[in-house]
Structures are given as C-alpha cells and as structure tokens.
C-alpha cells in the first residue's frame, strides 16, 4: 500500500473515531467508531506500519488485567 493511501486511511480512521465520540446520535456515533476502528485495522495490517502495531501492543500491556481488581 502506498504512503498516500496509508495516510488518507489513517486520517479517516482517526477522524471517524473522534467524531463518533462527539456525535449526539448514539447509533450513528457507534457506527462511525466501528468504521474508524476497521480503517485503523486495515492500515495496521496492510500498511506495514510497525509503529502502529507497537503502539497497540504497548497499550494492551499497559491496561490493567481483569483479575487484578477482582475478589474471589
């Protein structure tokens, strides 16, 4: 995938995720977020952007685990 298409899809994905959060209609906002996440996944998988993959892995490792806050 060329750099131009990669940057356009990346900008569209981030823009849709951000606009989906401020949209007053819940269903349309959720749809915008889903499309934005799909675009970011397409860029991450087919765009060969290692820095985006590493940022996702770092975010996943930074999040607290579910078992940490649970009491048995």
Protein backbone atom coordinates (compact mmCIF):
# COMPACT_ATOMS: atom_id res chain seq x y z
CA UNK A 1 0.00 0.00 0.00
CA UNK A 2 1.45 3.40 -0.90
CA UNK A 3 2.17 6.08 1.69
CA UNK A 4 -0.53 8.40 0.35
CA UNK A 5 -3.31 5.85 0.70
CA UNK A 6 -1.99 4.79 4.08
CA UNK A 7 -2.04 8.37 5.40
CA UNK A 8 -5.52 9.03 3.98
CA UNK A 9 -6.95 5.87 5.58
CA UNK A 10 -5.15 6.61 8.86
CA UNK A 11 -6.51 10.17 8.97
CA UNK A 12 -10.01 8.96 8.08
CA UNK A 13 -9.93 6.28 10.77
CA UNK A 14 -8.76 8.66 13.49
CA UNK A 15 -11.22 11.32 12.36
CA UNK A 16 -14.16 8.93 12.40
CA UNK A 17 -13.22 7.64 15.85
CA UNK A 18 -13.02 11.19 17.21
CA UNK A 19 -16.22 12.38 15.50
CA UNK A 20 -18.08 9.28 16.66
CA UNK A 21 -17.39 10.23 20.26
CA UNK A 22 -18.89 13.71 19.98
CA UNK A 23 -21.91 12.74 17.87
CA UNK A 24 -25.21 13.20 19.69
CA UNK A 25 -26.89 10.24 17.98
CA UNK A 26 -25.72 7.08 19.77
CA UNK A 27 -26.27 4.65 16.91
CA UNK A 28 -24.63 6.83 14.27
CA UNK A 29 -21.75 7.63 16.63
CA UNK A 30 -21.17 3.94 17.30
CA UNK A 31 -21.25 3.21 13.57
CA UNK A 32 -18.67 5.95 12.97
CA UNK A 33 -16.40 4.50 15.65
CA UNK A 34 -16.72 0.97 14.24
CA UNK A 35 -15.86 2.16 10.73
CA UNK A 36 -12.94 4.16 12.14
CA UNK A 37 -11.56 1.15 14.01
CA UNK A 38 -11.91 -1.00 10.88
CA UNK A 39 -9.97 1.59 8.86
CA UNK A 40 -7.25 1.65 11.52
CA UNK A 41 -7.06 -2.14 11.44
CA UNK A 42 -6.76 -2.12 7.65
CA UNK A 43 -3.93 0.39 7.87
CA UNK A 44 -2.25 -1.60 10.61
CA UNK A 45 -2.47 -4.94 8.82
CA UNK A 46 -1.89 -3.94 5.21
CA UNK A 47 0.02 -0.67 5.60
CA UNK A 48 3.14 -2.24 7.12
CA UNK A 49 3.22 0.39 9.85
CA UNK A 50 5.25 -1.22 12.59
CA UNK A 51 4.94 1.80 14.89
CA UNK A 52 1.14 1.48 14.95
CA UNK A 53 1.38 -2.22 15.82
CA UNK A 54 3.88 -1.49 18.58
CA UNK A 55 1.63 1.25 19.98
CA UNK A 56 -1.28 -1.21 20.11
CA UNK A 57 0.82 -3.82 21.89
CA UNK A 58 2.08 -1.21 24.37
CA UNK A 59 -1.49 -0.09 25.04
CA UNK A 60 -2.62 -3.69 25.58
CA UNK A 61 0.23 -4.31 28.03
CA UNK A 62 -0.43 -1.01 29.83
CA UNK A 63 -4.10 -1.79 30.51
CA UNK A 64 -4.79 -3.35 33.91
CA UNK A 65 -5.64 -7.01 33.97
CA UNK A 66 -9.18 -8.11 34.80
CA UNK A 67 -8.10 -10.50 37.55
CA UNK A 68 -6.17 -7.78 39.41
CA UNK A 69 -9.25 -5.95 40.70
CA UNK A 70 -11.49 -8.97 41.25
CA UNK A 71 -12.04 -10.57 44.61
CA UNK A 72 -12.89 -14.23 44.90
